[in-house]
């Protein structure tokens, strides 16, 4: 199984299972749209031209334009439901592991779906339920037969009750700040052969450090196989790693860390909690489907025909307020014939009115927002 470390997704589109150590962002094809830097430059030019830069002296620096664009994105993500999108991702559960760190783009998890009604675990064909398929074919797909929607509704209600009674639904808690999801259920061990570890050490704590697993006896793993560390009490170690080298006696295994590690040595009592095994031979205990809402990348918002004009206008108003703050420090510049008056107070008043109007547009769904999504404030 090939794993794309950059996105944290497997070749089948599943999130790489991690306990207390998360993968990267959700996959996104950046080649389909204008780059974020190009759109930022476009907004910067728009602000400059609106403020008459080139005709008069505009005192804003590059940092001020960047801050205005950043604040427009922050306000949009806070108030607009169009800043997120509904999606489904797979999470591969590890045995005896309840805590996982999801990608930082996932804002909330609505539900966890299992493949069966809970009486069977795993992802094999034994979860195919022939009675349900035959019932659907008899009462729904073939016209003129006995039965109908009422009978199918009764069967669907029976299946829902069975899922409720026998573990078809998974309870969970999700923290949108730490991105930690806790499955309120320990997935049973599917018969993994664990390596008897003597120590787990690392050459450093930075990403790219070499992790070395020292076993007390030979462990059947080879180069390019996948090694899994779970239930480790130290942050950064839990996850799946491609094996880079195995000693001749098969007792020393090395691989590269792709997260920041909280320590360089795991020994003693902590090893009794930590589990190390090869995922190449031993399959996952179960793969579940997460119904999530993830935040859209900046580039996607910049290329949104409804969101981009709003972001452009809000960044302009925010930059105008910055300029007004600077000019209001000096009401007048001394010079011949009485000098020149600055318009700082007028700029601040105009900017406040424009920003209030733009925030009202978010409530009125002008920028492509979906009504009654959620209410903030």
Protein backbone atom coordinates (compact mmCIF):
# COMPACT_ATOMS: atom_id res chain seq x y z
CA UNK A 1 0.00 0.00 0.00
CA UNK A 2 1.55 3.30 -1.08
CA UNK A 3 1.08 6.27 1.21
CA UNK A 4 1.38 9.88 0.13
CA UNK A 5 3.00 11.53 3.11
CA UNK A 6 2.21 15.03 1.86
CA UNK A 7 -1.53 14.53 1.85
CA UNK A 8 -1.84 11.75 4.40
CA UNK A 9 -4.05 9.75 2.03
CA UNK A 10 -3.50 6.22 0.80
CA UNK A 11 -3.78 5.24 -2.81
CA UNK A 12 -7.40 4.20 -2.13
CA UNK A 13 -8.28 7.64 -0.74
CA UNK A 14 -8.26 6.61 2.92
CA UNK A 15 -6.86 8.74 5.70
CA UNK A 16 -3.71 7.19 7.02
CA UNK A 17 -4.65 5.90 10.47
CA UNK A 18 -2.78 7.68 13.21
CA UNK A 19 -3.24 7.66 16.95
CA UNK A 20 -2.11 10.95 18.50
CA UNK A 21 -0.11 11.86 15.38
CA UNK A 22 -1.92 13.16 12.35
CA UNK A 23 -1.27 13.12 8.62
CA UNK A 24 -1.33 16.10 6.31
CA UNK A 25 -4.16 17.97 4.57
CA UNK A 26 -6.91 16.53 2.44
CA UNK A 27 -5.93 16.00 -1.20
CA UNK A 28 -6.53 19.01 -3.48
CA UNK A 29 -5.60 19.50 -7.12
CA UNK A 30 -3.96 22.92 -7.24
CA UNK A 31 -3.38 22.78 -10.99
CA UNK A 32 -7.04 23.38 -11.86
CA UNK A 33 -7.14 27.01 -10.65
CA UNK A 34 -5.08 30.16 -10.51
CA UNK A 35 -2.49 29.99 -7.76
CA UNK A 36 -3.15 31.61 -4.38
CA UNK A 37 -0.17 33.93 -4.87
CA UNK A 38 -1.56 35.12 -8.20
CA UNK A 39 -4.95 35.89 -6.66
CA UNK A 40 -3.30 37.63 -3.68
CA UNK A 41 -1.36 39.83 -6.11
CA UNK A 42 -4.61 40.58 -7.93
CA UNK A 43 -6.27 41.69 -4.68
CA UNK A 44 -3.23 43.79 -3.78
CA UNK A 45 -3.39 45.61 -7.13
CA UNK A 46 -7.12 46.13 -6.67
CA UNK A 47 -6.55 47.75 -3.26
CA UNK A 48 -3.75 49.94 -4.58
CA UNK A 49 -5.78 51.17 -7.53
CA UNK A 50 -8.87 51.84 -5.39
CA UNK A 51 -6.74 53.92 -3.03
CA UNK A 52 -5.37 55.87 -6.04
CA UNK A 53 -1.81 54.70 -5.58
CA UNK A 54 0.37 56.31 -8.26
CA UNK A 55 -1.77 59.46 -8.28
CA UNK A 56 -1.30 60.16 -4.59
CA UNK A 57 1.11 58.69 -2.09
CA UNK A 58 -0.36 55.61 -0.36
CA UNK A 59 1.69 54.85 2.75
CA UNK A 60 0.82 51.15 2.98
CA UNK A 61 3.60 48.56 2.86
CA UNK A 62 3.50 44.99 1.57
CA UNK A 63 2.83 43.68 5.09
CA UNK A 64 -0.31 45.81 5.35
CA UNK A 65 -1.76 44.37 2.14
CA UNK A 66 -0.99 40.84 3.31
CA UNK A 67 -2.63 41.52 6.66
CA UNK A 68 -5.77 42.89 4.98
CA UNK A 69 -6.09 39.77 2.80
CA UNK A 70 -5.46 37.50 5.79
CA UNK A 71 -8.11 39.24 7.90
CA UNK A 72 -10.61 38.95 5.04
CA UNK A 73 -10.03 35.19 4.95
CA UNK A 74 -10.31 34.92 8.74
CA UNK A 75 -13.61 36.81 8.80
CA UNK A 76 -14.98 34.77 5.90
CA UNK A 77 -14.05 31.45 7.52
CA UNK A 78 -15.61 32.58 10.79
CA UNK A 79 -18.94 33.74 9.37
CA UNK A 80 -19.56 31.94 6.08
CA UNK A 81 -20.64 28.33 5.68
CA UNK A 82 -19.26 28.53 2.13
CA UNK A 83 -15.78 28.33 3.70
CA UNK A 84 -16.31 24.62 4.38
CA UNK A 85 -17.43 21.68 2.27
CA UNK A 86 -19.13 18.40 3.05
CA UNK A 87 -17.02 15.34 2.35
CA UNK A 88 -16.54 11.69 3.25
CA UNK A 89 -13.19 10.18 4.20
CA UNK A 90 -12.09 6.74 5.34
CA UNK A 91 -10.35 6.15 8.65
CA UNK A 92 -8.51 2.88 9.18
CA UNK A 93 -8.93 1.89 12.82
CA UNK A 94 -6.07 0.27 14.68
CA UNK A 95 -6.60 -2.51 17.21
CA UNK A 96 -7.06 -1.45 20.83
CA UNK A 97 -6.73 2.23 19.79
CA UNK A 98 -9.39 4.86 20.44
CA UNK A 99 -7.71 8.22 19.83
CA UNK A 100 -6.79 9.55 16.38
CA UNK A 101 -5.64 12.92 15.06
CA UNK A 102 -7.44 13.95 11.87
CA UNK A 103 -6.09 16.43 9.30
CA UNK A 104 -6.24 20.04 10.48
CA UNK A 105 -8.63 20.97 7.63
CA UNK A 106 -11.47 18.89 9.14
CA UNK A 107 -13.67 21.27 11.12
CA UNK A 108 -16.28 18.86 12.42
CA UNK A 109 -17.28 15.19 12.23
CA UNK A 110 -20.99 14.52 11.92
CA UNK A 111 -21.11 10.74 11.98
CA UNK A 112 -19.04 7.57 11.82
CA UNK A 113 -20.39 4.86 9.51
CA UNK A 114 -19.48 1.18 9.66
CA UNK A 115 -19.69 -1.33 6.85
CA UNK A 116 -22.00 -3.74 8.66
CA UNK A 117 -24.62 -3.69 11.40
CA UNK A 118 -22.02 -4.30 14.07
CA UNK A 119 -22.28 -8.08 14.42
CA UNK A 120 -19.19 -8.56 12.26
CA UNK A 121 -15.93 -6.60 12.13
CA UNK A 122 -13.40 -6.32 9.38
CA UNK A 123 -13.70 -5.41 5.71
CA UNK A 124 -14.13 -8.83 4.14
CA UNK A 125 -16.91 -10.03 1.85
CA UNK A 126 -18.55 -11.82 4.79
CA UNK A 127 -20.24 -8.53 5.61
CA UNK A 128 -22.35 -8.73 2.45
CA UNK A 129 -25.90 -9.40 3.56
CA UNK A 130 -27.72 -11.46 0.89
CA UNK A 131 -31.14 -11.16 2.56
CA UNK A 132 -31.05 -7.36 2.37
CA UNK A 133 -29.99 -7.49 -1.28
CA UNK A 134 -32.70 -10.04 -2.16
CA UNK A 135 -35.33 -8.05 -0.29
CA UNK A 136 -34.42 -4.90 -2.20
CA UNK A 137 -34.56 -6.76 -5.51
CA UNK A 138 -37.94 -8.34 -4.75
CA UNK A 139 -39.80 -5.37 -3.33
CA UNK A 140 -38.17 -2.37 -4.94
CA UNK A 141 -36.55 -3.15 -8.27
CA UNK A 142 -39.08 -5.55 -9.81
CA UNK A 143 -42.39 -3.98 -10.75
CA UNK A 144 -45.65 -5.87 -10.19
CA UNK A 145 -44.39 -8.07 -7.33
CA UNK A 146 -45.96 -8.24 -3.88
CA UNK A 147 -44.60 -6.08 -1.10
CA UNK A 148 -43.81 -2.47 -1.76
CA UNK A 149 -42.49 0.53 0.12
CA UNK A 150 -44.24 -0.31 3.39
CA UNK A 151 -42.54 -3.69 3.68
CA UNK A 152 -39.20 -2.19 2.78
CA UNK A 153 -39.70 0.55 5.39
CA UNK A 154 -40.37 -2.14 8.02
CA UNK A 155 -37.23 -4.00 7.01
CA UNK A 156 -35.15 -0.80 7.05
CA UNK A 157 -36.51 0.00 10.53
CA UNK A 158 -35.57 -3.49 11.68
CA UNK A 159 -32.05 -3.05 10.35
CA UNK A 160 -31.73 0.34 12.06
CA UNK A 161 -32.85 -1.17 15.37
CA UNK A 162 -30.36 -4.01 14.97
CA UNK A 163 -27.58 -1.50 14.38
CA UNK A 164 -28.58 0.41 17.50
CA UNK A 165 -28.60 -2.74 19.64
CA UNK A 166 -25.54 -4.50 18.28
CA UNK A 167 -22.97 -1.76 17.69
CA UNK A 168 -23.77 -0.60 14.18
CA UNK A 169 -23.29 3.02 15.28
CA UNK A 170 -20.08 4.32 16.78
CA UNK A 171 -20.24 7.00 19.44
CA UNK A 172 -17.40 9.48 19.35
CA UNK A 173 -16.21 12.88 20.53
CA UNK A 174 -14.31 15.34 18.32
CA UNK A 175 -12.31 18.39 19.33
CA UNK A 176 -12.16 20.88 16.42
CA UNK A 177 -9.15 22.65 17.96
CA UNK A 178 -6.86 19.69 18.65
CA UNK A 179 -8.41 17.66 15.78
CA UNK A 180 -8.56 14.65 18.07
CA UNK A 181 -11.39 12.16 17.57
CA UNK A 182 -12.02 9.64 20.34
CA UNK A 183 -13.95 6.53 19.31
CA UNK A 184 -15.97 5.40 22.33
CA UNK A 185 -15.16 1.79 21.62
CA UNK A 186 -12.00 -0.28 21.52
CA UNK A 187 -11.66 -2.15 18.25
CA UNK A 188 -10.74 -5.76 19.07
CA UNK A 189 -7.40 -7.14 18.01
CA UNK A 190 -7.61 -9.03 14.72
CA UNK A 191 -4.78 -11.41 15.53
CA UNK A 192 -1.73 -9.21 14.95
CA UNK A 193 1.70 -10.57 15.69
CA UNK A 194 3.38 -7.88 17.76
CA UNK A 195 7.10 -7.30 17.88
CA UNK A 196 8.59 -7.81 21.32
CA UNK A 197 10.38 -4.51 21.68
CA UNK A 198 13.35 -3.82 23.90
CA UNK A 199 13.55 -0.11 23.10
CA UNK A 200 12.39 2.54 20.64
CA UNK A 201 14.87 5.35 20.06
CA UNK A 202 15.19 8.29 17.69
CA UNK A 203 18.18 10.22 16.41
CA UNK A 204 16.39 13.48 17.19
CA UNK A 205 12.96 15.03 17.69
CA UNK A 206 12.63 16.82 14.32
CA UNK A 207 10.77 15.56 11.28
CA UNK A 208 13.08 13.30 9.28
CA UNK A 209 14.79 11.80 12.31
CA UNK A 210 15.60 8.09 12.22
CA UNK A 211 13.48 5.89 14.50
CA UNK A 212 15.04 2.60 15.57
CA UNK A 213 13.04 -0.29 17.04
CA UNK A 214 15.15 -2.83 18.91
CA UNK A 215 13.42 -6.23 19.31
CA UNK A 216 14.22 -8.91 21.87
CA UNK A 217 13.79 -11.61 19.22
CA UNK A 218 13.67 -11.72 15.39
CA UNK A 219 10.56 -10.15 13.84
CA UNK A 220 9.40 -11.12 10.33
CA UNK A 221 9.46 -7.77 8.54
CA UNK A 222 11.26 -6.65 5.39
CA UNK A 223 12.34 -3.44 3.70
CA UNK A 224 9.39 -1.50 2.16
CA UNK A 225 6.93 -3.28 4.44
CA UNK A 226 4.80 -1.08 6.67
CA UNK A 227 5.43 -0.95 10.39
CA UNK A 228 2.77 0.39 12.76
CA UNK A 229 3.24 2.00 16.18
CA UNK A 230 0.09 2.42 18.26
CA UNK A 231 -0.85 3.27 21.85
CA UNK A 232 2.46 5.06 22.38
CA UNK A 233 2.13 7.57 25.25
CA UNK A 234 4.59 9.97 23.59
CA UNK A 235 3.39 12.33 20.85
CA UNK A 236 4.71 11.89 17.33
CA UNK A 237 5.50 8.16 17.35
CA UNK A 238 2.09 6.67 16.61
CA UNK A 239 1.47 5.96 12.94
CA UNK A 240 2.47 3.87 9.93
CA UNK A 241 5.99 3.94 8.51
CA UNK A 242 7.68 2.31 5.50
CA UNK A 243 10.53 0.12 6.76
CA UNK A 244 13.88 1.42 5.50
CA UNK A 245 16.29 -1.17 6.91
CA UNK A 246 16.29 -4.45 8.84
CA UNK A 247 19.36 -5.93 10.50
CA UNK A 248 20.65 -9.36 9.51
CA UNK A 249 19.30 -10.89 12.72
CA UNK A 250 15.89 -9.19 12.11
CA UNK A 251 16.01 -7.55 15.54
CA UNK A 252 16.70 -3.94 14.55
CA UNK A 253 14.21 -2.03 12.37
CA UNK A 254 14.66 1.59 11.23
CA UNK A 255 12.38 4.11 9.54
CA UNK A 256 11.96 7.88 9.24
CA UNK A 257 9.74 10.06 11.46
CA UNK A 258 7.31 12.36 9.65
CA UNK A 259 6.09 14.12 12.80
CA UNK A 260 7.83 16.09 15.52
CA UNK A 261 8.71 13.67 18.35
CA UNK A 262 8.31 14.52 22.02
CA UNK A 263 11.20 12.29 23.16
CA UNK A 264 14.12 10.34 21.76
CA UNK A 265 13.83 7.20 23.90
CA UNK A 266 11.02 4.87 24.93
CA UNK A 267 11.93 2.16 27.41
CA UNK A 268 10.66 0.37 30.50
CA UNK A 269 6.99 0.55 31.47
CA UNK A 270 6.03 2.68 28.45
CA UNK A 271 6.88 -0.24 26.15
CA UNK A 272 4.16 -2.37 27.75
CA UNK A 273 1.58 0.11 26.43
CA UNK A 274 3.17 0.65 23.02
CA UNK A 275 2.35 -1.84 20.29
CA UNK A 276 4.58 -2.42 17.26
CA UNK A 277 3.50 -4.68 14.40
CA UNK A 278 3.67 -5.04 10.64
CA UNK A 279 0.58 -3.79 8.83
CA UNK A 280 1.76 -5.35 5.56
CA UNK A 281 0.85 -8.82 6.75
CA UNK A 282 -1.82 -7.95 9.32
CA UNK A 283 -4.76 -5.99 7.97
CA UNK A 284 -6.56 -3.21 9.80
CA UNK A 285 -9.16 -4.26 12.35
CA UNK A 286 -11.79 -2.17 10.57
CA UNK A 287 -12.17 0.71 8.13
CA UNK A 288 -14.92 3.24 8.87
CA UNK A 289 -16.37 6.13 6.89
CA UNK A 290 -16.37 9.63 8.43
CA UNK A 291 -19.00 12.19 7.42
CA UNK A 292 -17.09 15.44 7.86
CA UNK A 293 -16.99 19.11 7.00
CA UNK A 294 -13.53 20.32 6.02
CA UNK A 295 -12.39 23.88 5.40
CA UNK A 296 -11.74 24.82 1.79
CA UNK A 297 -8.17 25.76 0.85
CA UNK A 298 -7.42 29.46 0.38
CA UNK A 299 -6.86 28.85 -3.31
CA UNK A 300 -10.36 27.42 -3.71
CA UNK A 301 -11.93 30.46 -2.02
CA UNK A 302 -9.88 32.83 -4.17
CA UNK A 303 -11.17 31.08 -7.30
CA UNK A 304 -14.79 30.99 -6.10
CA UNK A 305 -16.73 33.47 -8.31
CA UNK A 306 -18.98 34.37 -5.36
CA UNK A 307 -16.46 34.44 -2.52
CA UNK A 308 -13.64 36.25 -4.33
CA UNK A 309 -15.45 39.60 -4.83
CA UNK A 310 -16.37 39.63 -1.13
CA UNK A 311 -12.80 38.85 -0.04
CA UNK A 312 -11.53 41.53 -2.39
CA UNK A 313 -13.87 44.20 -1.04
CA UNK A 314 -13.28 43.29 2.61
CA UNK A 315 -9.50 43.38 2.17
CA UNK A 316 -9.84 46.79 0.51
CA UNK A 317 -11.94 48.14 3.39
CA UNK A 318 -9.55 46.73 5.98
CA UNK A 319 -6.57 48.29 4.19
CA UNK A 320 -8.44 51.59 4.03
CA UNK A 321 -8.96 51.48 7.79
CA UNK A 322 -5.24 50.87 8.34
CA UNK A 323 -4.46 53.87 6.15
CA UNK A 324 -7.03 55.94 8.04
CA UNK A 325 -5.45 55.01 11.37
CA UNK A 326 -2.08 56.24 10.13
CA UNK A 327 -3.35 59.49 8.65
CA UNK A 328 -5.53 60.33 11.64
CA UNK A 329 -2.38 60.66 13.77
CA UNK A 330 -1.69 63.92 11.98
CA UNK A 331 -4.62 66.12 11.05
CA UNK A 332 -2.53 68.47 8.97
CA UNK A 333 0.89 68.66 7.34
CA UNK A 334 2.61 72.01 7.57
CA UNK A 335 3.47 73.71 4.29
CA UNK A 336 3.14 76.88 2.24
CA UNK A 337 -0.28 78.50 2.11
CA UNK A 338 -1.55 76.65 5.17
CA UNK A 339 -0.26 73.13 4.37
CA UNK A 340 -2.41 70.09 3.57
CA UNK A 341 -5.19 68.36 5.54
CA UNK A 342 -5.24 64.55 5.85
CA UNK A 343 -8.39 62.46 5.49
CA UNK A 344 -7.66 59.85 8.17
CA UNK A 345 -10.94 60.18 10.06
CA UNK A 346 -12.96 60.09 6.84
CA UNK A 347 -11.16 56.92 5.70
CA UNK A 348 -11.86 55.18 9.02
CA UNK A 349 -15.54 56.14 8.91
CA UNK A 350 -15.93 54.90 5.33
CA UNK A 351 -14.07 51.66 6.08
CA UNK A 352 -16.21 50.85 9.14
CA UNK A 353 -19.41 51.40 7.14
CA UNK A 354 -18.16 49.25 4.25
CA UNK A 355 -17.07 46.39 6.53
CA UNK A 356 -20.41 46.44 8.35
CA UNK A 357 -22.19 46.25 5.00
CA UNK A 358 -19.99 43.35 3.86
CA UNK A 359 -20.65 41.41 7.07
CA UNK A 360 -24.35 41.90 6.50
CA UNK A 361 -23.90 40.37 3.04
CA UNK A 362 -22.70 37.19 4.73
CA UNK A 363 -25.99 37.03 6.60
CA UNK A 364 -27.89 37.64 3.36
CA UNK A 365 -25.99 34.87 1.51
CA UNK A 366 -24.75 37.28 -1.15
CA UNK A 367 -21.33 35.58 -1.43
CA UNK A 368 -22.68 32.07 -2.09
CA UNK A 369 -23.28 31.14 1.52
CA UNK A 370 -25.86 28.48 2.36
CA UNK A 371 -28.71 29.71 4.59
CA UNK A 372 -29.36 28.21 8.01
CA UNK A 373 -26.12 26.26 7.99
CA UNK A 374 -25.06 27.24 11.48
CA UNK A 375 -25.29 30.41 13.50
CA UNK A 376 -22.26 32.13 15.03
CA UNK A 377 -22.91 35.12 17.27
